[in-house]
Amino acid sequence: MYLTSYTFVIFFLLLGIALPVGGLTFGRFLRPHNPYPEKLVTYESGILPTGDAQVRFKVAYYIIALEFVIFDVETIFFYPWAVAFDELGWFGVQIMLIFIFILAVGLAYSWKKKVLEWN
């Protein structure tokens, strides 16, 4: 009984590994390989690149992106809670209030540290 269950898992695992590896290997033998210097130059909309490719961004961009992700995940958690609201009852309300409180503490902390101010 257990052997047949694991047989399907192992089969699909091997199939999931074999298909991409086989496709990439087949493509490697099929494609032309003719490198020369013009092909190795970075292409940027038909213009030759100038300067350094690594540009340093302000840390504020990353912090704002992190704040966005946190509150985006919050809205993702609101949907299942709202769907199961009738079944959860008062316990569900308490859990969601605790969740919102934790997020509010995080927002207050970042507001106090003046992370949200743009210079």
PDB file of N, CA and C in Angstrom:
ATOM      1  N   MET A   1       0.823  -1.191   0.000  1.00  0.00           N
ATOM      2  CA  MET A   1       0.000   0.000   0.000  1.00  0.00           C
ATOM      3  C   MET A   1       0.871   1.262   0.000  1.00  0.00           C
ATOM      4  N   TYR A   2       1.820   1.319   0.928  1.00  0.00           N
ATOM      5  CA  TYR A   2       2.687   2.496   0.984  1.00  0.00           C
ATOM      6  C   TYR A   2       3.615   2.551  -0.220  1.00  0.00           C
ATOM      7  N   LEU A   3       4.014   1.392  -0.716  1.00  0.00           N
ATOM      8  CA  LEU A   3       4.939   1.346  -1.843  1.00  0.00           C
ATOM      9  C   LEU A   3       4.320   1.960  -3.089  1.00  0.00           C
ATOM     10  N   THR A   4       3.043   1.695  -3.334  1.00  0.00           N
ATOM     11  CA  THR A   4       2.408   2.282  -4.517  1.00  0.00           C
ATOM     12  C   THR A   4       2.250   3.788  -4.377  1.00  0.00           C
ATOM     13  N   SER A   5       2.042   4.291  -3.174  1.00  0.00           N
ATOM     14  CA  SER A   5       1.942   5.735  -2.970  1.00  0.00           C
ATOM     15  C   SER A   5       3.269   6.408  -3.279  1.00  0.00           C
ATOM     16  N   TYR A   6       4.340   5.834  -2.779  1.00  0.00           N
ATOM     17  CA  TYR A   6       5.658   6.403  -3.023  1.00  0.00           C
ATOM     18  C   TYR A   6       6.121   6.188  -4.454  1.00  0.00           C
ATOM     19  N   THR A   7       5.604   5.192  -5.125  1.00  0.00           N
ATOM     20  CA  THR A   7       5.971   4.958  -6.522  1.00  0.00           C
ATOM     21  C   THR A   7       5.550   6.141  -7.378  1.00  0.00           C
ATOM     22  N   PHE A   8       4.344   6.639  -7.172  1.00  0.00           N
ATOM     23  CA  PHE A   8       3.882   7.790  -7.939  1.00  0.00           C
ATOM     24  C   PHE A   8       4.696   9.044  -7.609  1.00  0.00           C
ATOM     25  N   VAL A   9       5.012   9.234  -6.352  1.00  0.00           N
ATOM     26  CA  VAL A   9       5.807  10.399  -5.953  1.00  0.00           C
ATOM     27  C   VAL A   9       7.186  10.337  -6.588  1.00  0.00           C
ATOM     28  N   ILE A  10       7.821   9.180  -6.518  1.00  0.00           N
ATOM     29  CA  ILE A  10       9.162   9.024  -7.104  1.00  0.00           C
ATOM     30  C   ILE A  10       9.105   9.178  -8.611  1.00  0.00           C
ATOM     31  N   PHE A  11       8.060   8.628  -9.234  1.00  0.00           N
ATOM     32  CA  PHE A  11       7.921   8.750 -10.684  1.00  0.00           C
ATOM     33  C   PHE A  11       7.820  10.217 -11.099  1.00  0.00           C
ATOM     34  N   PHE A  12       6.961  10.979 -10.445  1.00  0.00           N
ATOM     35  CA  PHE A  12       6.800  12.387 -10.809  1.00  0.00           C
ATOM     36  C   PHE A  12       8.017  13.223 -10.431  1.00  0.00           C
ATOM     37  N   LEU A  13       8.710  12.845  -9.374  1.00  0.00           N
ATOM     38  CA  LEU A  13       9.945  13.532  -9.024  1.00  0.00           C
ATOM     39  C   LEU A  13      11.001  13.323 -10.099  1.00  0.00           C
ATOM     40  N   LEU A  14      11.164  12.078 -10.543  1.00  0.00           N
ATOM     41  CA  LEU A  14      12.128  11.793 -11.608  1.00  0.00           C
ATOM     42  C   LEU A  14      11.714  12.451 -12.919  1.00  0.00           C
ATOM     43  N   LEU A  15      10.424  12.452 -13.209  1.00  0.00           N
ATOM     44  CA  LEU A  15       9.938  13.107 -14.414  1.00  0.00           C
ATOM     45  C   LEU A  15      10.162  14.621 -14.339  1.00  0.00           C
ATOM     46  N   GLY A  16       9.943  15.209 -13.165  1.00  0.00           N
ATOM     47  CA  GLY A  16      10.164  16.641 -12.990  1.00  0.00           C
ATOM     48  C   GLY A  16      11.625  17.031 -13.101  1.00  0.00           C
ATOM     49  N   ILE A  17      12.513  16.111 -12.813  1.00  0.00           N
ATOM     50  CA  ILE A  17      13.946  16.384 -12.976  1.00  0.00           C
ATOM     51  C   ILE A  17      14.389  16.087 -14.399  1.00  0.00           C
ATOM     52  N   ALA A  18      13.890  14.994 -14.978  1.00  0.00           N
ATOM     53  CA  ALA A  18      14.347  14.550 -16.295  1.00  0.00           C
ATOM     54  C   ALA A  18      13.906  15.474 -17.427  1.00  0.00           C
ATOM     55  N   LEU A  19      12.700  16.008 -17.356  1.00  0.00           N
ATOM     56  CA  LEU A  19      12.225  16.858 -18.457  1.00  0.00           C
ATOM     57  C   LEU A  19      13.038  18.143 -18.620  1.00  0.00           C
ATOM     58  N   PRO A  20      13.267  18.929 -17.578  1.00  0.00           N
ATOM     59  CA  PRO A  20      14.080  20.132 -17.790  1.00  0.00           C
ATOM     60  C   PRO A  20      15.536  19.817 -18.149  1.00  0.00           C
ATOM     61  N   VAL A  21      16.113  18.822 -17.475  1.00  0.00           N
ATOM     62  CA  VAL A  21      17.508  18.479 -17.773  1.00  0.00           C
ATOM     63  C   VAL A  21      17.623  17.952 -19.195  1.00  0.00           C
ATOM     64  N   GLY A  22      16.693  17.108 -19.604  1.00  0.00           N
ATOM     65  CA  GLY A  22      16.713  16.577 -20.966  1.00  0.00           C
ATOM     66  C   GLY A  22      16.503  17.669 -22.000  1.00  0.00           C
ATOM     67  N   GLY A  23      15.571  18.571 -21.747  1.00  0.00           N
ATOM     68  CA  GLY A  23      15.322  19.661 -22.689  1.00  0.00           C
ATOM     69  C   GLY A  23      16.511  20.597 -22.833  1.00  0.00           C
ATOM     70  N   LEU A  24      17.129  20.932 -21.712  1.00  0.00           N
ATOM     71  CA  LEU A  24      18.306  21.810 -21.775  1.00  0.00           C
ATOM     72  C   LEU A  24      19.489  21.119 -22.446  1.00  0.00           C
ATOM     73  N   THR A  25      19.667  19.836 -22.170  1.00  0.00           N
ATOM     74  CA  THR A  25      20.762  19.093 -22.809  1.00  0.00           C
ATOM     75  C   THR A  25      20.525  18.977 -24.304  1.00  0.00           C
ATOM     76  N   PHE A  26      19.305  18.655 -24.701  1.00  0.00           N
ATOM     77  CA  PHE A  26      18.965  18.559 -26.124  1.00  0.00           C
ATOM     78  C   PHE A  26      19.173  19.904 -26.816  1.00  0.00           C
ATOM     79  N   GLY A  27      18.759  20.986 -26.181  1.00  0.00           N
ATOM     80  CA  GLY A  27      18.948  22.316 -26.745  1.00  0.00           C
ATOM     81  C   GLY A  27      20.409  22.706 -26.875  1.00  0.00           C
ATOM     82  N   ARG A  28      21.241  22.219 -25.964  1.00  0.00           N
ATOM     83  CA  ARG A  28      22.671  22.529 -26.026  1.00  0.00           C
ATOM     84  C   ARG A  28      23.319  21.904 -27.244  1.00  0.00           C
ATOM     85  N   PHE A  29      22.889  20.696 -27.588  1.00  0.00           N
ATOM     86  CA  PHE A  29      23.453  20.045 -28.769  1.00  0.00           C
ATOM     87  C   PHE A  29      22.854  20.577 -30.060  1.00  0.00           C
ATOM     88  N   LEU A  30      21.670  21.130 -29.994  1.00  0.00           N
ATOM     89  CA  LEU A  30      20.968  21.579 -31.181  1.00  0.00           C
ATOM     90  C   LEU A  30      21.338  23.001 -31.595  1.00  0.00           C
ATOM     91  N   ARG A  31      21.615  23.873 -30.657  1.00  0.00           N
ATOM     92  CA  ARG A  31      21.841  25.279 -30.970  1.00  0.00           C
ATOM     93  C   ARG A  31      23.240  25.504 -31.566  1.00  0.00           C
ATOM     94  N   PRO A  32      23.379  26.552 -32.358  1.00  0.00           N
ATOM     95  CA  PRO A  32      24.708  26.879 -32.888  1.00  0.00           C
ATOM     96  C   PRO A  32      25.572  27.534 -31.805  1.00  0.00           C
ATOM     97  N   HIS A  33      26.863  27.307 -31.889  1.00  0.00           N
ATOM     98  CA  HIS A  33      27.789  27.884 -30.915  1.00  0.00           C
ATOM     99  C   HIS A  33      28.890  28.590 -31.687  1.00  0.00           C
ATOM    100  N   ASN A  34      28.766  29.926 -31.808  1.00  0.00           N
ATOM    101  CA  ASN A  34      29.721  30.709 -32.574  1.00  0.00           C
ATOM    102  C   ASN A  34      29.985  32.029 -31.848  1.00  0.00           C
ATOM    103  N   PRO A  35      30.722  31.984 -30.720  1.00  0.00           N
ATOM    104  CA  PRO A  35      30.966  33.240 -29.990  1.00  0.00           C
ATOM    105  C   PRO A  35      32.034  34.092 -30.676  1.00  0.00           C
ATOM    106  N   TYR A  36      31.810  35.380 -30.727  1.00  0.00           N
ATOM    107  CA  TYR A  36      32.810  36.346 -31.155  1.00  0.00           C
ATOM    108  C   TYR A  36      32.588  37.617 -30.356  1.00  0.00           C
ATOM    109  N   PRO A  37      33.539  38.535 -30.325  1.00  0.00           N
ATOM    110  CA  PRO A  37      33.492  39.668 -29.386  1.00  0.00           C
ATOM    111  C   PRO A  37      32.213  40.507 -29.450  1.00  0.00           C
ATOM    112  N   GLU A  38      31.647  40.697 -30.639  1.00  0.00           N
ATOM    113  CA  GLU A  38      30.434  41.514 -30.728  1.00  0.00           C
ATOM    114  C   GLU A  38      29.250  40.856 -30.019  1.00  0.00           C
ATOM    115  N   LYS A  39      29.232  39.536 -29.990  1.00  0.00           N
ATOM    116  CA  LYS A  39      28.137  38.847 -29.313  1.00  0.00           C
ATOM    117  C   LYS A  39      28.266  38.929 -27.798  1.00  0.00           C
ATOM    118  N   LEU A  40      29.464  39.106 -27.304  1.00  0.00           N
ATOM    119  CA  LEU A  40      29.693  39.111 -25.871  1.00  0.00           C
ATOM    120  C   LEU A  40      29.488  40.484 -25.230  1.00  0.00           C
ATOM    121  N   VAL A  41      29.244  41.526 -26.036  1.00  0.00           N
ATOM    122  CA  VAL A  41      29.010  42.865 -25.508  1.00  0.00           C
ATOM    123  C   VAL A  41      27.575  42.947 -24.992  1.00  0.00           C
ATOM    124  N   THR A  42      27.404  43.602 -23.848  1.00  0.00           N
ATOM    125  CA  THR A  42      26.069  43.791 -23.296  1.00  0.00           C
ATOM    126  C   THR A  42      25.250  44.674 -24.224  1.00  0.00           C
ATOM    127  N   TYR A  43      24.019  44.280 -24.473  1.00  0.00           N
ATOM    128  CA  TYR A  43      23.147  45.011 -25.390  1.00  0.00           C
ATOM    129  C   TYR A  43      22.124  45.793 -24.588  1.00  0.00           C
ATOM    130  N   GLU A  44      22.111  47.111 -24.773  1.00  0.00           N
ATOM    131  CA  GLU A  44      21.155  47.969 -24.079  1.00  0.00           C
ATOM    132  C   GLU A  44      20.435  48.833 -25.105  1.00  0.00           C
ATOM    133  N   SER A  45      19.377  48.312 -25.655  1.00  0.00           N
ATOM    134  CA  SER A  45      18.536  49.038 -26.611  1.00  0.00           C
ATOM    135  C   SER A  45      19.334  49.564 -27.799  1.00  0.00           C
ATOM    136  N   GLY A  46      20.288  48.813 -28.259  1.00  0.00           N
ATOM    137  CA  GLY A  46      21.061  49.201 -29.423  1.00  0.00           C
ATOM    138  C   GLY A  46      22.170  50.191 -29.150  1.00  0.00           C
ATOM    139  N   ILE A  47      22.374  50.572 -27.903  1.00  0.00           N
ATOM    140  CA  ILE A  47      23.399  51.537 -27.538  1.00  0.00           C
ATOM    141  C   ILE A  47      24.469  50.811 -26.736  1.00  0.00           C
ATOM    142  N   LEU A  48      25.717  51.073 -27.043  1.00  0.00           N
ATOM    143  CA  LEU A  48      26.798  50.464 -26.284  1.00  0.00           C
ATOM    144  C   LEU A  48      26.786  50.996 -24.854  1.00  0.00           C
ATOM    145  N   PRO A  49      26.936  50.134 -23.878  1.00  0.00           N
ATOM    146  CA  PRO A  49      26.889  50.580 -22.484  1.00  0.00           C
ATOM    147  C   PRO A  49      28.101  51.421 -22.122  1.00  0.00           C
ATOM    148  N   THR A  50      27.870  52.419 -21.278  1.00  0.00           N
ATOM    149  CA  THR A  50      28.958  53.252 -20.790  1.00  0.00           C
ATOM    150  C   THR A  50      28.910  53.285 -19.275  1.00  0.00           C
ATOM    151  N   GLY A  51      30.042  53.368 -18.659  1.00  0.00           N
ATOM    152  CA  GLY A  51      30.097  53.471 -17.206  1.00  0.00           C
ATOM    153  C   GLY A  51      29.950  52.128 -16.525  1.00  0.00           C
ATOM    154  N   ASP A  52      29.805  52.191 -15.222  1.00  0.00           N
ATOM    155  CA  ASP A  52      29.691  50.992 -14.411  1.00  0.00           C
ATOM    156  C   ASP A  52      28.258  50.468 -14.440  1.00  0.00           C
ATOM    157  N   ALA A  53      28.105  49.174 -14.490  1.00  0.00           N
ATOM    158  CA  ALA A  53      26.778  48.573 -14.560  1.00  0.00           C
ATOM    159  C   ALA A  53      26.088  48.542 -13.194  1.00  0.00           C
ATOM    160  N   GLN A  54      26.860  48.613 -12.124  1.00  0.00           N
ATOM    161  CA  GLN A  54      26.270  48.553 -10.796  1.00  0.00           C
ATOM    162  C   GLN A  54      25.986  49.966 -10.286  1.00  0.00           C
ATOM    163  N   VAL A  55      24.709  50.236 -10.082  1.00  0.00           N
ATOM    164  CA  VAL A  55      24.279  51.522  -9.570  1.00  0.00           C
ATOM    165  C   VAL A  55      23.798  51.317  -8.144  1.00  0.00           C
ATOM    166  N   ARG A  56      24.271  52.129  -7.248  1.00  0.00           N
ATOM    167  CA  ARG A  56      23.860  51.997  -5.847  1.00  0.00           C
ATOM    168  C   ARG A  56      22.555  52.754  -5.629  1.00  0.00           C
ATOM    169  N   PHE A  57      21.604  52.049  -5.036  1.00  0.00           N
ATOM    170  CA  PHE A  57      20.325  52.652  -4.712  1.00  0.00           C
ATOM    171  C   PHE A  57      20.323  53.073  -3.253  1.00  0.00           C
ATOM    172  N   LYS A  58      19.443  54.013  -2.949  1.00  0.00           N
ATOM    173  CA  LYS A  58      19.292  54.414  -1.552  1.00  0.00           C
ATOM    174  C   LYS A  58      18.663  53.271  -0.764  1.00  0.00           C
ATOM    175  N   VAL A  59      19.009  53.178   0.486  1.00  0.00           N
ATOM    176  CA  VAL A  59      18.450  52.155   1.351  1.00  0.00           C
ATOM    177  C   VAL A  59      16.948  52.372   1.523  1.00  0.00           C
ATOM    178  N   ALA A  60      16.497  53.597   1.380  1.00  0.00           N
ATOM    179  CA  ALA A  60      15.073  53.911   1.553  1.00  0.00           C
ATOM    180  C   ALA A  60      14.207  53.144   0.564  1.00  0.00           C
ATOM    181  N   TYR A  61      14.714  52.892  -0.644  1.00  0.00           N
ATOM    182  CA  TYR A  61      13.948  52.117  -1.612  1.00  0.00           C
ATOM    183  C   TYR A  61      13.667  50.725  -1.075  1.00  0.00           C
ATOM    184  N   TYR A  62      14.669  50.097  -0.504  1.00  0.00           N
ATOM    185  CA  TYR A  62      14.507  48.737   0.005  1.00  0.00           C
ATOM    186  C   TYR A  62      13.581  48.708   1.220  1.00  0.00           C
ATOM    187  N   ILE A  63      13.681  49.708   2.063  1.00  0.00           N
ATOM    188  CA  ILE A  63      12.841  49.735   3.257  1.00  0.00           C
ATOM    189  C   ILE A  63      11.382  49.969   2.878  1.00  0.00           C
ATOM    190  N   ILE A  64      11.141  50.847   1.922  1.00  0.00           N
ATOM    191  CA  ILE A  64       9.771  51.071   1.458  1.00  0.00           C
ATOM    192  C   ILE A  64       9.240  49.803   0.796  1.00  0.00           C
ATOM    193  N   ALA A  65      10.077  49.113   0.035  1.00  0.00           N
ATOM    194  CA  ALA A  65       9.646  47.860  -0.587  1.00  0.00           C
ATOM    195  C   ALA A  65       9.324  46.814   0.472  1.00  0.00           C
ATOM    196  N   LEU A  66      10.107  46.764   1.532  1.00  0.00           N
ATOM    197  CA  LEU A  66       9.856  45.821   2.611  1.00  0.00           C
ATOM    198  C   LEU A  66       8.554  46.158   3.329  1.00  0.00           C
ATOM    199  N   GLU A  67       8.306  47.425   3.581  1.00  0.00           N
ATOM    200  CA  GLU A  67       7.041  47.834   4.195  1.00  0.00           C
ATOM    201  C   GLU A  67       5.865  47.443   3.295  1.00  0.00           C
ATOM    202  N   PHE A  68       6.021  47.628   1.993  1.00  0.00           N
ATOM    203  CA  PHE A  68       4.958  47.246   1.066  1.00  0.00           C
ATOM    204  C   PHE A  68       4.691  45.750   1.131  1.00  0.00           C
ATOM    205  N   VAL A  69       5.733  44.950   1.154  1.00  0.00           N
ATOM    206  CA  VAL A  69       5.564  43.496   1.214  1.00  0.00           C
ATOM    207  C   VAL A  69       4.867  43.099   2.505  1.00  0.00           C
ATOM    208  N   ILE A  70       5.231  43.720   3.605  1.00  0.00           N
ATOM    209  CA  ILE A  70       4.608  43.384   4.889  1.00  0.00           C
ATOM    210  C   ILE A  70       3.103  43.651   4.832  1.00  0.00           C
ATOM    211  N   PHE A  71       2.704  44.804   4.332  1.00  0.00           N
ATOM    212  CA  PHE A  71       1.284  45.125   4.306  1.00  0.00           C
ATOM    213  C   PHE A  71       0.554  44.418   3.172  1.00  0.00           C
ATOM    214  N   ASP A  72       1.283  43.999   2.151  1.00  0.00           N
ATOM    215  CA  ASP A  72       0.682  43.183   1.108  1.00  0.00           C
ATOM    216  C   ASP A  72       0.364  41.796   1.645  1.00  0.00           C
ATOM    217  N   VAL A  73       1.269  41.242   2.427  1.00  0.00           N
ATOM    218  CA  VAL A  73       1.019  39.943   3.058  1.00  0.00           C
ATOM    219  C   VAL A  73      -0.128  40.054   4.049  1.00  0.00           C
ATOM    220  N   GLU A  74      -0.243  41.180   4.689  1.00  0.00           N
ATOM    221  CA  GLU A  74      -1.361  41.386   5.621  1.00  0.00           C
ATOM    222  C   GLU A  74      -2.686  41.257   4.895  1.00  0.00           C
ATOM    223  N   THR A  75      -2.806  41.863   3.739  1.00  0.00           N
ATOM    224  CA  THR A  75      -4.066  41.759   3.000  1.00  0.00           C
ATOM    225  C   THR A  75      -4.317  40.337   2.514  1.00  0.00           C
ATOM    226  N   ILE A  76      -3.271  39.590   2.249  1.00  0.00           N
ATOM    227  CA  ILE A  76      -3.442  38.189   1.860  1.00  0.00           C
ATOM    228  C   ILE A  76      -4.015  37.387   3.019  1.00  0.00           C
ATOM    229  N   PHE A  77      -3.621  37.691   4.241  1.00  0.00           N
ATOM    230  CA  PHE A  77      -4.151  36.982   5.402  1.00  0.00           C
ATOM    231  C   PHE A  77      -5.572  37.423   5.748  1.00  0.00           C
ATOM    232  N   PHE A  78      -5.980  38.599   5.330  1.00  0.00           N
ATOM    233  CA  PHE A  78      -7.340  39.066   5.614  1.00  0.00           C
ATOM    234  C   PHE A  78      -8.390  38.262   4.856  1.00  0.00           C
ATOM    235  N   TYR A  79      -8.088  37.834   3.635  1.00  0.00           N
ATOM    236  CA  TYR A  79      -9.092  37.169   2.814  1.00  0.00           C
ATOM    237  C   TYR A  79      -9.562  35.844   3.423  1.00  0.00           C
ATOM    238  N   PRO A  80      -8.666  34.901   3.767  1.00  0.00           N
ATOM    239  CA  PRO A  80      -9.178  33.660   4.363  1.00  0.00           C
ATOM    240  C   PRO A  80      -9.888  33.902   5.693  1.00  0.00           C
ATOM    241  N   TRP A  81      -9.420  34.889   6.435  1.00  0.00           N
ATOM    242  CA  TRP A  81     -10.083  35.207   7.696  1.00  0.00           C
ATOM    243  C   TRP A  81     -11.509  35.689   7.436  1.00  0.00           C
ATOM    244  N   ALA A  82     -11.672  36.535   6.430  1.00  0.00           N
ATOM    245  CA  ALA A  82     -13.006  37.055   6.127  1.00  0.00           C
ATOM    246  C   ALA A  82     -13.927  35.948   5.605  1.00  0.00           C
ATOM    247  N   VAL A  83     -13.362  35.003   4.851  1.00  0.00           N
ATOM    248  CA  VAL A  83     -14.182  33.906   4.333  1.00  0.00           C
ATOM    249  C   VAL A  83     -14.652  33.008   5.472  1.00  0.00           C
ATOM    250  N   ALA A  84     -13.787  32.745   6.449  1.00  0.00           N
ATOM    251  CA  ALA A  84     -14.124  31.846   7.556  1.00  0.00           C
ATOM    252  C   ALA A  84     -14.607  32.606   8.788  1.00  0.00           C
ATOM    253  N   PHE A  85     -15.037  33.835   8.621  1.00  0.00           N
ATOM    254  CA  PHE A  85     -15.410  34.666   9.762  1.00  0.00           C
ATOM    255  C   PHE A  85     -16.552  34.050  10.571  1.00  0.00           C
ATOM    256  N   ASP A  86     -17.572  33.528   9.901  1.00  0.00           N
ATOM    257  CA  ASP A  86     -18.722  32.947  10.614  1.00  0.00           C
ATOM    258  C   ASP A  86     -18.322  31.723  11.428  1.00  0.00           C
ATOM    259  N   GLU A  87     -17.403  30.923  10.895  1.00  0.00           N
ATOM    260  CA  GLU A  87     -16.985  29.709  11.592  1.00  0.00           C
ATOM    261  C   GLU A  87     -16.048  30.005  12.764  1.00  0.00           C
ATOM    262  N   LEU A  88     -15.249  31.055  12.642  1.00  0.00           N
ATOM    263  CA  LEU A  88     -14.266  31.359  13.686  1.00  0.00           C
ATOM    264  C   LEU A  88     -14.891  32.062  14.881  1.00  0.00           C
ATOM    265  N   GLY A  89     -15.858  32.903  14.616  1.00  0.00           N
ATOM    266  CA  GLY A  89     -16.534  33.596  15.702  1.00  0.00           C
ATOM    267  C   GLY A  89     -15.625  34.578  16.437  1.00  0.00           C
ATOM    268  N   TRP A  90     -15.835  34.688  17.750  1.00  0.00           N
ATOM    269  CA  TRP A  90     -15.092  35.639  18.574  1.00  0.00           C
ATOM    270  C   TRP A  90     -13.606  35.308  18.611  1.00  0.00           C
ATOM    271  N   PHE A  91     -13.269  34.010  18.564  1.00  0.00           N
ATOM    272  CA  PHE A  91     -11.856  33.607  18.556  1.00  0.00           C
ATOM    273  C   PHE A  91     -11.138  34.174  17.333  1.00  0.00           C
ATOM    274  N   GLY A  92     -11.796  34.135  16.174  1.00  0.00           N
ATOM    275  CA  GLY A  92     -11.211  34.679  14.953  1.00  0.00           C
ATOM    276  C   GLY A  92     -10.997  36.176  15.031  1.00  0.00           C
ATOM    277  N   VAL A  93     -11.930  36.868  15.670  1.00  0.00           N
ATOM    278  CA  VAL A  93     -11.788  38.324  15.831  1.00  0.00           C
ATOM    279  C   VAL A  93     -10.589  38.626  16.724  1.00  0.00           C
ATOM    280  N   GLN A  94     -10.433  37.871  17.816  1.00  0.00           N
ATOM    281  CA  GLN A  94      -9.300  38.091  18.716  1.00  0.00           C
ATOM    282  C   GLN A  94      -7.967  37.831  18.009  1.00  0.00           C
ATOM    283  N   ILE A  95      -7.907  36.747  17.258  1.00  0.00           N
ATOM    284  CA  ILE A  95      -6.663  36.427  16.548  1.00  0.00           C
ATOM    285  C   ILE A  95      -6.327  37.512  15.529  1.00  0.00           C
ATOM    286  N   MET A  96      -7.330  38.002  14.801  1.00  0.00           N
ATOM    287  CA  MET A  96      -7.065  39.041  13.808  1.00  0.00           C
ATOM    288  C   MET A  96      -6.681  40.355  14.475  1.00  0.00           C
ATOM    289  N   LEU A  97      -7.260  40.661  15.621  1.00  0.00           N
ATOM    290  CA  LEU A  97      -6.866  41.874  16.349  1.00  0.00           C
ATOM    291  C   LEU A  97      -5.418  41.781  16.830  1.00  0.00           C
ATOM    292  N   ILE A  98      -5.006  40.602  17.282  1.00  0.00           N
ATOM    293  CA  ILE A  98      -3.602  40.408  17.675  1.00  0.00           C
ATOM    294  C   ILE A  98      -2.695  40.588  16.473  1.00  0.00           C
ATOM    295  N   PHE A  99      -3.086  40.033  15.336  1.00  0.00           N
ATOM    296  CA  PHE A  99      -2.301  40.162  14.107  1.00  0.00           C
ATOM    297  C   PHE A  99      -2.173  41.623  13.684  1.00  0.00           C
ATOM    298  N   ILE A 100      -3.284  42.347  13.707  1.00  0.00           N
ATOM    299  CA  ILE A 100      -3.266  43.767  13.338  1.00  0.00           C
ATOM    300  C   ILE A 100      -2.446  44.570  14.344  1.00  0.00           C
ATOM    301  N   PHE A 101      -2.529  44.213  15.616  1.00  0.00           N
ATOM    302  CA  PHE A 101      -1.754  44.915  16.640  1.00  0.00           C
ATOM    303  C   PHE A 101      -0.258  44.744  16.399  1.00  0.00           C
ATOM    304  N   ILE A 102       0.173  43.531  16.063  1.00  0.00           N
ATOM    305  CA  ILE A 102       1.601  43.294  15.786  1.00  0.00           C
ATOM    306  C   ILE A 102       2.052  44.117  14.591  1.00  0.00           C
ATOM    307  N   LEU A 103       1.237  44.170  13.545  1.00  0.00           N
ATOM    308  CA  LEU A 103       1.592  44.987  12.389  1.00  0.00           C
ATOM    309  C   LEU A 103       1.581  46.475  12.715  1.00  0.00           C
ATOM    310  N   ALA A 104       0.660  46.904  13.557  1.00  0.00           N
ATOM    311  CA  ALA A 104       0.607  48.314  13.947  1.00  0.00           C
ATOM    312  C   ALA A 104       1.835  48.694  14.772  1.00  0.00           C
ATOM    313  N   VAL A 105       2.292  47.787  15.616  1.00  0.00           N
ATOM    314  CA  VAL A 105       3.515  48.055  16.381  1.00  0.00           C
ATOM    315  C   VAL A 105       4.705  48.206  15.435  1.00  0.00           C
ATOM    316  N   GLY A 106       4.781  47.342  14.423  1.00  0.00           N
ATOM    317  CA  GLY A 106       5.848  47.462  13.428  1.00  0.00           C
ATOM    318  C   GLY A 106       5.772  48.766  12.653  1.00  0.00           C
ATOM    319  N   LEU A 107       4.562  49.169  12.283  1.00  0.00           N
ATOM    320  CA  LEU A 107       4.387  50.435  11.570  1.00  0.00           C
ATOM    321  C   LEU A 107       4.740  51.615  12.461  1.00  0.00           C
ATOM    322  N   ALA A 108       4.327  51.573  13.726  1.00  0.00           N
ATOM    323  CA  ALA A 108       4.664  52.659  14.654  1.00  0.00           C
ATOM    324  C   ALA A 108       6.172  52.747  14.864  1.00  0.00           C
ATOM    325  N   TYR A 109       6.823  51.610  14.931  1.00  0.00           N
ATOM    326  CA  TYR A 109       8.277  51.608  15.107  1.00  0.00           C
ATOM    327  C   TYR A 109       8.968  52.238  13.898  1.00  0.00           C
ATOM    328  N   SER A 110       8.557  51.841  12.702  1.00  0.00           N
ATOM    329  CA  SER A 110       9.193  52.421  11.520  1.00  0.00           C
ATOM    330  C   SER A 110       8.821  53.894  11.359  1.00  0.00           C
ATOM    331  N   TRP A 111       7.646  54.295  11.809  1.00  0.00           N
ATOM    332  CA  TRP A 111       7.266  55.704  11.769  1.00  0.00           C
ATOM    333  C   TRP A 111       8.105  56.504  12.756  1.00  0.00           C
ATOM    334  N   LYS A 112       8.335  55.927  13.954  1.00  0.00           N
ATOM    335  CA  LYS A 112       9.144  56.612  14.965  1.00  0.00           C
ATOM    336  C   LYS A 112      10.596  56.749  14.511  1.00  0.00           C
ATOM    337  N   LYS A 113      11.102  55.742  13.831  1.00  0.00           N
ATOM    338  CA  LYS A 113      12.478  55.792  13.323  1.00  0.00           C
ATOM    339  C   LYS A 113      12.594  56.644  12.064  1.00  0.00           C
ATOM    340  N   LYS A 114      11.473  57.227  11.613  1.00  0.00           N
ATOM    341  CA  LYS A 114      11.410  58.097  10.441  1.00  0.00           C
ATOM    342  C   LYS A 114      11.862  57.391   9.167  1.00  0.00           C
ATOM    343  N   VAL A 115      11.496  56.103   9.079  1.00  0.00           N
ATOM    344  CA  VAL A 115      11.803  55.332   7.890  1.00  0.00           C
ATOM    345  C   VAL A 115      10.913  55.757   6.742  1.00  0.00           C
ATOM    346  N   LEU A 116       9.693  56.161   7.036  1.00  0.00           N
ATOM    347  CA  LEU A 116       8.736  56.473   6.005  1.00  0.00           C
ATOM    348  C   LEU A 116       8.879  57.888   5.436  1.00  0.00           C
ATOM    349  N   GLU A 117       9.772  58.679   5.991  1.00  0.00           N
ATOM    350  CA  GLU A 117       9.996  60.034   5.474  1.00  0.00           C
ATOM    351  C   GLU A 117      10.933  59.974   4.282  1.00  0.00           C
ATOM    352  N   TRP A 118      10.563  60.641   3.230  1.00  0.00           N
ATOM    353  CA  TRP A 118      11.342  60.628   1.994  1.00  0.00           C
ATOM    354  C   TRP A 118      12.157  61.910   1.906  1.00  0.00           C
ATOM    355  N   ASN A 119      13.447  61.772   1.716  1.00  0.00           N
ATOM    356  CA  ASN A 119      14.337  62.950   1.608  1.00  0.00           C
ATOM    357  C   ASN A 119      14.709  63.216   0.178  1.00  0.00           C
TER     358      ASN A 119
END
